[in-house]
Amino acid sequence: MRIENHRKNESGKSLAEFAVVALFFFMLIFGVIEFGRFLYTHNALNDAARRGARYAVLHRAEIAQDGTPRVAKCVKNVVMYGETHITAYPNCDPLAGHPVLINGIASATVEVKFNGADLDGNPLSPNPYGANLGTATVTITGFVFRINIPVFGRRVTMQKYSTTLPAESAGFEPSNI
């Protein structure tokens, strides 16, 4: 009789133990999934900066009337949507129905910079950028990754992703040759 009485007192104990163990187990599973998503986002941001820099060096930095390179808008859209999901240069607008490649990336986080080549060694003279002259740098800064783990959700600001490539002619023949 005493044994049956003891078992009745423990009727909800196994459910409580399961709830505690299940919480830690599912947090561990979600942690592994989020770590994989974090690595994917890290690689995608690195690839996006590389892809944008490659597009920038293959397209000349024509200067618009406001002083910014015209191709900068195109490079930002290549970073965000990919080259196959934008219209042709000089518009470079995203095609309808195509989302950004990296969820949460914004145009404000992408910076495009063209540096001309110093041909004469004089820092006061203008440095031309063009066919095989100078470099193009694409930098992604301030991207915020959201960790989606129950009870432990956080936001992490990712590192700066930057790629610099030398300018290329890619078959373009300057008119002064």
N, C-alpha and C. Protein backbone atom coordinates (compact mmCIF):
# COMPACT_ATOMS: atom_id res chain seq x y z
N MET A 1 0.80 -1.18 0.00
CA MET A 1 0.00 0.00 0.00
C MET A 1 0.86 1.27 0.00
N ARG A 2 1.90 1.21 0.71
CA ARG A 2 2.78 2.37 0.82
C ARG A 2 3.44 2.71 -0.52
N ILE A 3 3.76 1.73 -1.35
CA ILE A 3 4.40 1.96 -2.64
C ILE A 3 3.44 2.68 -3.59
N GLU A 4 2.17 2.28 -3.63
CA GLU A 4 1.19 2.94 -4.49
C GLU A 4 0.99 4.39 -4.08
N ASN A 5 0.99 4.68 -2.82
CA ASN A 5 0.86 6.03 -2.31
C ASN A 5 2.02 6.90 -2.76
N HIS A 6 3.22 6.35 -2.77
CA HIS A 6 4.42 7.08 -3.18
C HIS A 6 4.36 7.42 -4.68
N ARG A 7 3.86 6.51 -5.51
CA ARG A 7 3.76 6.75 -6.95
C ARG A 7 2.71 7.84 -7.26
N LYS A 8 1.66 7.92 -6.51
CA LYS A 8 0.65 8.94 -6.74
C LYS A 8 1.21 10.33 -6.49
N ASN A 9 2.15 10.46 -5.58
CA ASN A 9 2.76 11.75 -5.27
C ASN A 9 3.70 12.23 -6.38
N GLU A 10 4.15 11.34 -7.25
CA GLU A 10 5.10 11.68 -8.32
C GLU A 10 4.45 11.72 -9.70
N SER A 11 3.16 11.83 -9.78
CA SER A 11 2.47 11.73 -11.06
C SER A 11 2.84 12.87 -12.03
N GLY A 12 3.12 14.08 -11.62
CA GLY A 12 3.46 15.19 -12.51
C GLY A 12 4.95 15.45 -12.61
N LYS A 13 5.75 14.69 -11.90
CA LYS A 13 7.20 14.92 -11.86
C LYS A 13 7.83 14.66 -13.22
N SER A 14 7.44 13.62 -13.90
CA SER A 14 8.06 13.30 -15.19
C SER A 14 7.71 14.36 -16.23
N LEU A 15 6.53 14.92 -16.18
CA LEU A 15 6.15 15.98 -17.11
C LEU A 15 7.00 17.23 -16.87
N ALA A 16 7.22 17.58 -15.63
CA ALA A 16 8.05 18.74 -15.30
C ALA A 16 9.50 18.52 -15.73
N GLU A 17 10.02 17.32 -15.54
CA GLU A 17 11.39 17.00 -15.96
C GLU A 17 11.50 17.08 -17.49
N PHE A 18 10.49 16.58 -18.19
CA PHE A 18 10.49 16.65 -19.65
C PHE A 18 10.50 18.10 -20.12
N ALA A 19 9.70 18.95 -19.48
CA ALA A 19 9.63 20.36 -19.88
C ALA A 19 10.99 21.04 -19.74
N VAL A 20 11.71 20.77 -18.66
CA VAL A 20 13.02 21.38 -18.44
C VAL A 20 14.04 20.86 -19.45
N VAL A 21 14.06 19.55 -19.64
CA VAL A 21 15.02 18.95 -20.58
C VAL A 21 14.70 19.36 -22.01
N ALA A 22 13.42 19.40 -22.38
CA ALA A 22 13.02 19.77 -23.74
C ALA A 22 13.42 21.22 -24.05
N LEU A 23 13.31 22.12 -23.07
CA LEU A 23 13.70 23.51 -23.29
C LEU A 23 15.17 23.59 -23.69
N PHE A 24 16.04 22.95 -22.93
CA PHE A 24 17.47 22.97 -23.25
C PHE A 24 17.76 22.25 -24.56
N PHE A 25 17.08 21.15 -24.82
CA PHE A 25 17.30 20.39 -26.05
C PHE A 25 16.92 21.23 -27.27
N PHE A 26 15.75 21.86 -27.24
CA PHE A 26 15.33 22.66 -28.38
C PHE A 26 16.17 23.93 -28.53
N MET A 27 16.62 24.51 -27.43
CA MET A 27 17.54 25.64 -27.53
C MET A 27 18.83 25.22 -28.21
N LEU A 28 19.33 24.03 -27.90
CA LEU A 28 20.54 23.52 -28.54
C LEU A 28 20.31 23.30 -30.03
N ILE A 29 19.18 22.70 -30.40
CA ILE A 29 18.86 22.47 -31.81
C ILE A 29 18.74 23.80 -32.56
N PHE A 30 18.01 24.76 -32.00
CA PHE A 30 17.88 26.06 -32.64
C PHE A 30 19.23 26.77 -32.71
N GLY A 31 20.08 26.60 -31.71
CA GLY A 31 21.42 27.18 -31.73
C GLY A 31 22.26 26.65 -32.88
N VAL A 32 22.19 25.36 -33.13
CA VAL A 32 22.94 24.77 -34.25
C VAL A 32 22.41 25.31 -35.57
N ILE A 33 21.10 25.41 -35.71
CA ILE A 33 20.50 25.94 -36.94
C ILE A 33 20.89 27.41 -37.13
N GLU A 34 20.84 28.21 -36.08
CA GLU A 34 21.19 29.63 -36.19
C GLU A 34 22.67 29.82 -36.48
N PHE A 35 23.52 28.96 -35.95
CA PHE A 35 24.95 29.05 -36.26
C PHE A 35 25.17 28.80 -37.75
N GLY A 36 24.47 27.82 -38.32
CA GLY A 36 24.56 27.56 -39.74
C GLY A 36 24.05 28.74 -40.56
N ARG A 37 22.97 29.36 -40.12
CA ARG A 37 22.44 30.55 -40.80
C ARG A 37 23.40 31.73 -40.69
N PHE A 38 24.06 31.85 -39.55
CA PHE A 38 25.06 32.91 -39.35
C PHE A 38 26.23 32.72 -40.32
N LEU A 39 26.73 31.49 -40.44
CA LEU A 39 27.83 31.23 -41.37
C LEU A 39 27.41 31.49 -42.81
N TYR A 40 26.19 31.09 -43.16
CA TYR A 40 25.68 31.35 -44.50
C TYR A 40 25.65 32.86 -44.77
N THR A 41 25.13 33.64 -43.83
CA THR A 41 25.05 35.09 -44.01
C THR A 41 26.44 35.70 -44.12
N HIS A 42 27.38 35.23 -43.31
CA HIS A 42 28.76 35.71 -43.37
C HIS A 42 29.34 35.47 -44.77
N ASN A 43 29.18 34.27 -45.30
CA ASN A 43 29.70 33.95 -46.63
C ASN A 43 28.96 34.73 -47.72
N ALA A 44 27.65 34.91 -47.57
CA ALA A 44 26.87 35.65 -48.56
C ALA A 44 27.28 37.12 -48.60
N LEU A 45 27.55 37.73 -47.45
CA LEU A 45 28.00 39.12 -47.42
C LEU A 45 29.38 39.26 -48.05
N ASN A 46 30.26 38.32 -47.76
CA ASN A 46 31.59 38.33 -48.35
C ASN A 46 31.50 38.20 -49.87
N ASP A 47 30.65 37.30 -50.34
CA ASP A 47 30.47 37.10 -51.78
C ASP A 47 29.81 38.32 -52.42
N ALA A 48 28.88 38.95 -51.74
CA ALA A 48 28.21 40.13 -52.28
C ALA A 48 29.20 41.28 -52.48
N ALA A 49 30.11 41.48 -51.53
CA ALA A 49 31.13 42.53 -51.68
C ALA A 49 32.05 42.21 -52.85
N ARG A 50 32.43 40.95 -53.00
CA ARG A 50 33.28 40.53 -54.11
C ARG A 50 32.56 40.72 -55.45
N ARG A 51 31.30 40.33 -55.50
CA ARG A 51 30.51 40.44 -56.72
C ARG A 51 30.34 41.91 -57.12
N GLY A 52 30.09 42.77 -56.15
CA GLY A 52 29.95 44.20 -56.44
C GLY A 52 31.25 44.82 -56.93
N ALA A 53 32.36 44.45 -56.32
CA ALA A 53 33.66 44.99 -56.75
C ALA A 53 33.99 44.53 -58.17
N ARG A 54 33.68 43.29 -58.48
CA ARG A 54 33.92 42.78 -59.84
C ARG A 54 33.08 43.55 -60.86
N TYR A 55 31.83 43.82 -60.54
CA TYR A 55 30.98 44.61 -61.44
C TYR A 55 31.54 46.02 -61.58
N ALA A 56 32.01 46.60 -60.49
CA ALA A 56 32.52 47.98 -60.51
C ALA A 56 33.75 48.12 -61.40
N VAL A 57 34.68 47.16 -61.33
CA VAL A 57 35.90 47.30 -62.13
C VAL A 57 35.65 47.04 -63.61
N LEU A 58 34.60 46.32 -63.93
CA LEU A 58 34.31 46.06 -65.34
C LEU A 58 33.49 47.16 -65.99
N HIS A 59 32.93 48.07 -65.19
CA HIS A 59 32.14 49.18 -65.72
C HIS A 59 32.83 50.47 -65.33
N ARG A 60 33.05 51.30 -66.29
CA ARG A 60 33.80 52.53 -66.02
C ARG A 60 33.04 53.44 -65.07
N ALA A 61 33.77 54.21 -64.30
CA ALA A 61 33.18 55.13 -63.33
C ALA A 61 32.88 56.46 -63.99
N GLU A 62 31.83 56.51 -64.79
CA GLU A 62 31.41 57.77 -65.39
C GLU A 62 30.84 58.66 -64.28
N ILE A 63 31.25 59.90 -64.26
CA ILE A 63 30.84 60.81 -63.19
C ILE A 63 29.55 61.52 -63.58
N ALA A 64 28.57 61.44 -62.71
CA ALA A 64 27.29 62.12 -62.93
C ALA A 64 27.44 63.60 -62.59
N GLN A 65 26.41 64.40 -62.88
CA GLN A 65 26.48 65.84 -62.62
C GLN A 65 26.59 66.16 -61.13
N ASP A 66 26.09 65.29 -60.27
CA ASP A 66 26.20 65.56 -58.83
C ASP A 66 27.54 65.13 -58.26
N GLY A 67 28.46 64.62 -59.09
CA GLY A 67 29.81 64.27 -58.63
C GLY A 67 29.99 62.83 -58.21
N THR A 68 28.92 62.04 -58.18
CA THR A 68 29.05 60.63 -57.80
C THR A 68 29.15 59.77 -59.05
N PRO A 69 29.87 58.68 -58.97
CA PRO A 69 29.94 57.79 -60.14
C PRO A 69 28.57 57.22 -60.46
N ARG A 70 28.20 57.20 -61.74
CA ARG A 70 26.91 56.68 -62.16
C ARG A 70 26.78 55.19 -61.86
N VAL A 71 27.88 54.49 -61.95
CA VAL A 71 27.84 53.05 -61.78
C VAL A 71 27.64 52.66 -60.31
N ALA A 72 27.77 53.59 -59.38
CA ALA A 72 27.63 53.27 -57.96
C ALA A 72 26.25 52.71 -57.64
N LYS A 73 25.20 53.27 -58.24
CA LYS A 73 23.84 52.75 -58.03
C LYS A 73 23.76 51.32 -58.55
N CYS A 74 24.36 51.08 -59.71
CA CYS A 74 24.34 49.73 -60.28
C CYS A 74 25.08 48.74 -59.39
N VAL A 75 26.22 49.16 -58.86
CA VAL A 75 27.00 48.27 -57.99
C VAL A 75 26.20 47.93 -56.74
N LYS A 76 25.53 48.91 -56.16
CA LYS A 76 24.71 48.64 -54.97
C LYS A 76 23.60 47.64 -55.28
N ASN A 77 22.97 47.78 -56.44
CA ASN A 77 21.91 46.84 -56.81
C ASN A 77 22.46 45.46 -57.13
N VAL A 78 23.67 45.38 -57.69
CA VAL A 78 24.30 44.08 -57.92
C VAL A 78 24.59 43.39 -56.59
N VAL A 79 25.05 44.15 -55.62
CA VAL A 79 25.32 43.59 -54.29
C VAL A 79 24.03 43.07 -53.67
N MET A 80 22.95 43.83 -53.82
CA MET A 80 21.69 43.48 -53.15
C MET A 80 20.88 42.41 -53.90
N TYR A 81 20.84 42.49 -55.25
CA TYR A 81 19.95 41.61 -56.02
C TYR A 81 20.68 40.60 -56.90
N GLY A 82 21.96 40.82 -57.16
CA GLY A 82 22.69 39.97 -58.09
C GLY A 82 22.59 40.55 -59.49
N GLU A 83 23.59 40.30 -60.31
CA GLU A 83 23.66 40.92 -61.64
C GLU A 83 22.55 40.45 -62.57
N THR A 84 22.09 39.23 -62.39
CA THR A 84 21.06 38.70 -63.29
C THR A 84 19.65 39.18 -62.93
N HIS A 85 19.49 39.87 -61.81
CA HIS A 85 18.17 40.31 -61.38
C HIS A 85 18.00 41.82 -61.42
N ILE A 86 18.80 42.51 -62.26
CA ILE A 86 18.65 43.95 -62.44
C ILE A 86 18.57 44.25 -63.93
N THR A 87 18.02 45.42 -64.28
CA THR A 87 17.96 45.82 -65.68
C THR A 87 19.35 46.25 -66.14
N ALA A 88 19.52 46.46 -67.43
CA ALA A 88 20.81 46.80 -68.01
C ALA A 88 21.28 48.19 -67.58
N TYR A 89 22.60 48.39 -67.61
CA TYR A 89 23.22 49.68 -67.32
C TYR A 89 22.72 50.68 -68.35
N PRO A 90 22.40 51.90 -68.06
CA PRO A 90 22.66 52.68 -66.87
C PRO A 90 21.54 52.69 -65.83
N ASN A 91 20.37 52.07 -66.11
CA ASN A 91 19.27 52.12 -65.13
C ASN A 91 19.54 51.22 -63.94
N CYS A 92 19.82 49.94 -64.18
CA CYS A 92 20.16 48.97 -63.12
C CYS A 92 19.08 48.84 -62.05
N ASP A 93 17.83 48.95 -62.44
CA ASP A 93 16.74 48.80 -61.48
C ASP A 93 16.48 47.33 -61.22
N PRO A 94 16.09 46.95 -60.00
CA PRO A 94 15.78 45.54 -59.73
C PRO A 94 14.56 45.08 -60.53
N LEU A 95 14.60 43.85 -61.00
CA LEU A 95 13.47 43.30 -61.73
C LEU A 95 12.32 43.04 -60.77
N ALA A 96 11.10 43.16 -61.27
CA ALA A 96 9.92 42.98 -60.43
C ALA A 96 9.85 41.54 -59.93
N GLY A 97 9.51 41.39 -58.68
CA GLY A 97 9.31 40.07 -58.09
C GLY A 97 10.56 39.39 -57.57
N HIS A 98 11.71 40.03 -57.66
CA HIS A 98 12.94 39.42 -57.16
C HIS A 98 13.33 40.07 -55.82
N PRO A 99 13.36 39.29 -54.76
CA PRO A 99 13.75 39.84 -53.45
C PRO A 99 15.27 40.00 -53.37
N VAL A 100 15.71 40.70 -52.35
CA VAL A 100 17.14 40.84 -52.13
C VAL A 100 17.74 39.46 -51.83
N LEU A 101 19.02 39.29 -52.17
CA LEU A 101 19.68 37.99 -51.97
C LEU A 101 19.96 37.70 -50.50
N ILE A 102 20.22 38.75 -49.73
CA ILE A 102 20.53 38.60 -48.30
C ILE A 102 19.44 39.34 -47.53
N ASN A 103 18.65 38.61 -46.79
CA ASN A 103 17.53 39.20 -46.06
C ASN A 103 18.04 40.24 -45.07
N GLY A 104 17.54 41.46 -45.18
CA GLY A 104 17.91 42.52 -44.25
C GLY A 104 18.95 43.48 -44.78
N ILE A 105 19.53 43.23 -45.95
CA ILE A 105 20.54 44.16 -46.47
C ILE A 105 19.85 45.38 -47.08
N ALA A 106 20.44 46.53 -46.89
CA ALA A 106 19.87 47.78 -47.40
C ALA A 106 20.93 48.52 -48.20
N SER A 107 20.48 49.39 -49.08
CA SER A 107 21.40 50.16 -49.92
C SER A 107 22.33 51.04 -49.08
N ALA A 108 21.85 51.49 -47.94
CA ALA A 108 22.66 52.37 -47.08
C ALA A 108 23.86 51.65 -46.48
N THR A 109 23.85 50.32 -46.41
CA THR A 109 24.97 49.58 -45.84
C THR A 109 26.08 49.32 -46.86
N VAL A 110 25.83 49.63 -48.14
CA VAL A 110 26.80 49.36 -49.21
C VAL A 110 27.47 50.66 -49.63
N GLU A 111 28.80 50.67 -49.64
CA GLU A 111 29.56 51.84 -50.06
C GLU A 111 30.45 51.45 -51.24
N VAL A 112 30.47 52.30 -52.27
CA VAL A 112 31.28 52.07 -53.45
C VAL A 112 32.26 53.22 -53.58
N LYS A 113 33.55 52.89 -53.76
CA LYS A 113 34.58 53.93 -53.84
C LYS A 113 35.52 53.60 -54.98
N PHE A 114 35.78 54.59 -55.83
CA PHE A 114 36.73 54.45 -56.93
C PHE A 114 37.96 55.29 -56.61
N ASN A 115 39.12 54.69 -56.65
CA ASN A 115 40.38 55.39 -56.42
C ASN A 115 41.18 55.38 -57.71
N GLY A 116 41.55 56.58 -58.17
CA GLY A 116 42.34 56.67 -59.39
C GLY A 116 43.79 56.32 -59.15
N ALA A 117 44.51 56.11 -60.23
CA ALA A 117 45.94 55.79 -60.16
C ALA A 117 46.75 57.07 -60.15
N ASP A 118 47.74 57.15 -59.28
CA ASP A 118 48.62 58.31 -59.21
C ASP A 118 49.75 58.10 -60.23
N LEU A 119 49.55 58.66 -61.42
CA LEU A 119 50.49 58.40 -62.53
C LEU A 119 51.76 59.24 -62.45
N ASP A 120 51.65 60.45 -61.89
CA ASP A 120 52.81 61.35 -61.90
C ASP A 120 53.49 61.49 -60.54
N GLY A 121 52.98 60.85 -59.51
CA GLY A 121 53.58 60.94 -58.18
C GLY A 121 53.27 62.22 -57.46
N ASN A 122 52.45 63.08 -58.03
CA ASN A 122 52.10 64.36 -57.43
C ASN A 122 50.73 64.21 -56.76
N PRO A 123 50.66 64.31 -55.41
CA PRO A 123 49.37 64.14 -54.74
C PRO A 123 48.36 65.24 -55.04
N LEU A 124 48.82 66.38 -55.60
CA LEU A 124 47.91 67.49 -55.88
C LEU A 124 47.22 67.36 -57.24
N SER A 125 47.79 66.58 -58.15
CA SER A 125 47.18 66.44 -59.48
C SER A 125 46.06 65.39 -59.42
N PRO A 126 45.08 65.51 -60.33
CA PRO A 126 43.98 64.53 -60.32
C PRO A 126 44.48 63.13 -60.68
N ASN A 127 43.88 62.15 -60.05
CA ASN A 127 44.24 60.75 -60.31
C ASN A 127 43.15 60.12 -61.16
N PRO A 128 43.46 59.79 -62.41
CA PRO A 128 42.42 59.25 -63.28
C PRO A 128 42.04 57.82 -62.90
N TYR A 129 40.77 57.51 -63.12
CA TYR A 129 40.29 56.14 -62.98
C TYR A 129 39.76 55.74 -64.34
N GLY A 130 40.12 54.57 -64.79
CA GLY A 130 39.63 54.13 -66.09
C GLY A 130 40.19 52.78 -66.43
N ALA A 131 40.40 52.55 -67.72
CA ALA A 131 40.88 51.27 -68.20
C ALA A 131 42.26 50.98 -67.62
N ASN A 132 42.34 50.01 -66.74
CA ASN A 132 43.58 49.58 -66.08
C ASN A 132 44.22 50.66 -65.22
N LEU A 133 43.46 51.64 -64.78
CA LEU A 133 43.98 52.71 -63.92
C LEU A 133 43.15 52.79 -62.65
N GLY A 134 43.74 52.49 -61.51
CA GLY A 134 43.07 52.65 -60.23
C GLY A 134 42.43 51.38 -59.70
N THR A 135 41.64 51.56 -58.65
CA THR A 135 40.97 50.44 -57.99
C THR A 135 39.53 50.81 -57.67
N ALA A 136 38.73 49.78 -57.48
CA ALA A 136 37.35 49.97 -57.02
C ALA A 136 37.19 49.16 -55.74
N THR A 137 36.57 49.78 -54.73
CA THR A 137 36.36 49.13 -53.44
C THR A 137 34.87 49.13 -53.12
N VAL A 138 34.36 47.98 -52.74
CA VAL A 138 32.98 47.85 -52.28
C VAL A 138 33.02 47.40 -50.83
N THR A 139 32.32 48.12 -49.96
CA THR A 139 32.32 47.83 -48.54
C THR A 139 30.88 47.70 -48.05
N ILE A 140 30.63 46.66 -47.26
CA ILE A 140 29.33 46.47 -46.62
C ILE A 140 29.56 46.63 -45.11
N THR A 141 28.91 47.62 -44.51
CA THR A 141 29.08 47.86 -43.08
C THR A 141 27.72 47.97 -42.40
N GLY A 142 27.69 47.64 -41.14
CA GLY A 142 26.49 47.84 -40.33
C GLY A 142 25.37 46.85 -40.56
N PHE A 143 25.65 45.70 -41.18
CA PHE A 143 24.60 44.70 -41.38
C PHE A 143 24.27 44.06 -40.04
N VAL A 144 22.99 43.99 -39.70
CA VAL A 144 22.56 43.43 -38.42
C VAL A 144 21.95 42.05 -38.64
N PHE A 145 22.53 41.05 -37.99
CA PHE A 145 22.03 39.68 -38.05
C PHE A 145 21.19 39.42 -36.81
N ARG A 146 20.01 38.87 -37.00
CA ARG A 146 19.11 38.60 -35.89
C ARG A 146 19.15 37.12 -35.54
N ILE A 147 19.53 36.81 -34.31
CA ILE A 147 19.57 35.42 -33.83
C ILE A 147 18.18 35.05 -33.33
N ASN A 148 17.61 33.99 -33.90
CA ASN A 148 16.24 33.58 -33.56
C ASN A 148 16.25 32.31 -32.72
N ILE A 149 16.75 32.40 -31.51
CA ILE A 149 16.73 31.27 -30.58
C ILE A 149 15.74 31.61 -29.48
N PRO A 150 14.79 30.72 -29.17
CA PRO A 150 13.83 31.00 -28.10
C PRO A 150 14.55 31.34 -26.79
N VAL A 151 14.11 32.33 -26.12
CA VAL A 151 14.61 32.81 -24.82
C VAL A 151 15.95 33.54 -24.96
N PHE A 152 16.63 33.43 -26.10
CA PHE A 152 17.96 33.99 -26.25
C PHE A 152 18.08 34.87 -27.49
N GLY A 153 16.99 35.38 -28.05
CA GLY A 153 17.04 36.19 -29.26
C GLY A 153 17.88 37.44 -29.08
N ARG A 154 18.78 37.68 -30.00
CA ARG A 154 19.68 38.83 -29.94
C ARG A 154 19.90 39.38 -31.36
N ARG A 155 20.46 40.58 -31.42
CA ARG A 155 20.87 41.18 -32.68
C ARG A 155 22.38 41.35 -32.64
N VAL A 156 23.04 40.94 -33.72
CA VAL A 156 24.49 41.01 -33.80
C VAL A 156 24.86 41.85 -35.02
N THR A 157 25.67 42.89 -34.83
CA THR A 157 26.16 43.68 -35.95
C THR A 157 27.37 42.97 -36.52
N MET A 158 27.27 42.63 -37.81
CA MET A 158 28.34 41.89 -38.47
C MET A 158 29.54 42.79 -38.73
N GLN A 159 30.67 42.16 -38.98
CA GLN A 159 31.91 42.89 -39.26
C GLN A 159 31.80 43.63 -40.58
N LYS A 160 32.81 44.41 -40.92
CA LYS A 160 32.86 45.13 -42.18
C LYS A 160 33.38 44.16 -43.25
N TYR A 161 32.68 44.09 -44.38
CA TYR A 161 33.09 43.25 -45.51
C TYR A 161 33.54 44.18 -46.63
N SER A 162 34.78 44.03 -47.07
CA SER A 162 35.33 44.93 -48.06
C SER A 162 36.14 44.15 -49.09
N THR A 163 35.98 44.53 -50.35
CA THR A 163 36.76 43.93 -51.43
C THR A 163 37.28 45.05 -52.32
N THR A 164 38.58 45.03 -52.62
CA THR A 164 39.21 45.99 -53.51
C THR A 164 39.81 45.23 -54.68
N LEU A 165 39.48 45.68 -55.89
CA LEU A 165 40.02 45.06 -57.10
C LEU A 165 40.60 46.13 -58.00
N PRO A 166 41.66 45.79 -58.78
CA PRO A 166 42.21 46.77 -59.73
C PRO A 166 41.29 46.93 -60.93
N ALA A 167 41.28 48.12 -61.50
CA ALA A 167 40.45 48.40 -62.67
C ALA A 167 40.89 47.52 -63.84
N GLU A 168 39.93 47.15 -64.68
CA GLU A 168 40.22 46.31 -65.84
C GLU A 168 39.63 46.95 -67.08
N SER A 169 40.23 46.64 -68.20
CA SER A 169 39.67 47.17 -69.45
C SER A 169 38.62 46.23 -70.02
N ALA A 170 38.81 44.92 -69.89
CA ALA A 170 37.86 43.90 -70.36
C ALA A 170 37.41 44.16 -71.79
N GLY A 171 38.36 44.50 -72.67
CA GLY A 171 38.05 44.69 -74.07
C GLY A 171 37.70 46.11 -74.46
N PHE A 172 37.57 47.01 -73.47
CA PHE A 172 37.26 48.41 -73.77
C PHE A 172 38.51 49.10 -74.28
N GLU A 173 38.40 49.75 -75.43
CA GLU A 173 39.54 50.46 -76.01
C GLU A 173 39.34 51.96 -75.83
N PRO A 174 40.20 52.61 -75.03
CA PRO A 174 40.07 54.05 -74.84
C PRO A 174 40.24 54.79 -76.17
N SER A 175 39.59 55.94 -76.30
CA SER A 175 39.61 56.70 -77.55
C SER A 175 40.96 57.36 -77.82
N ASN A 176 41.80 57.54 -76.81
CA ASN A 176 43.06 58.25 -77.00
C ASN A 176 44.21 57.34 -77.42
N ILE A 177 43.93 56.14 -77.86
CA ILE A 177 45.01 55.24 -78.30
C ILE A 177 45.26 55.46 -79.77
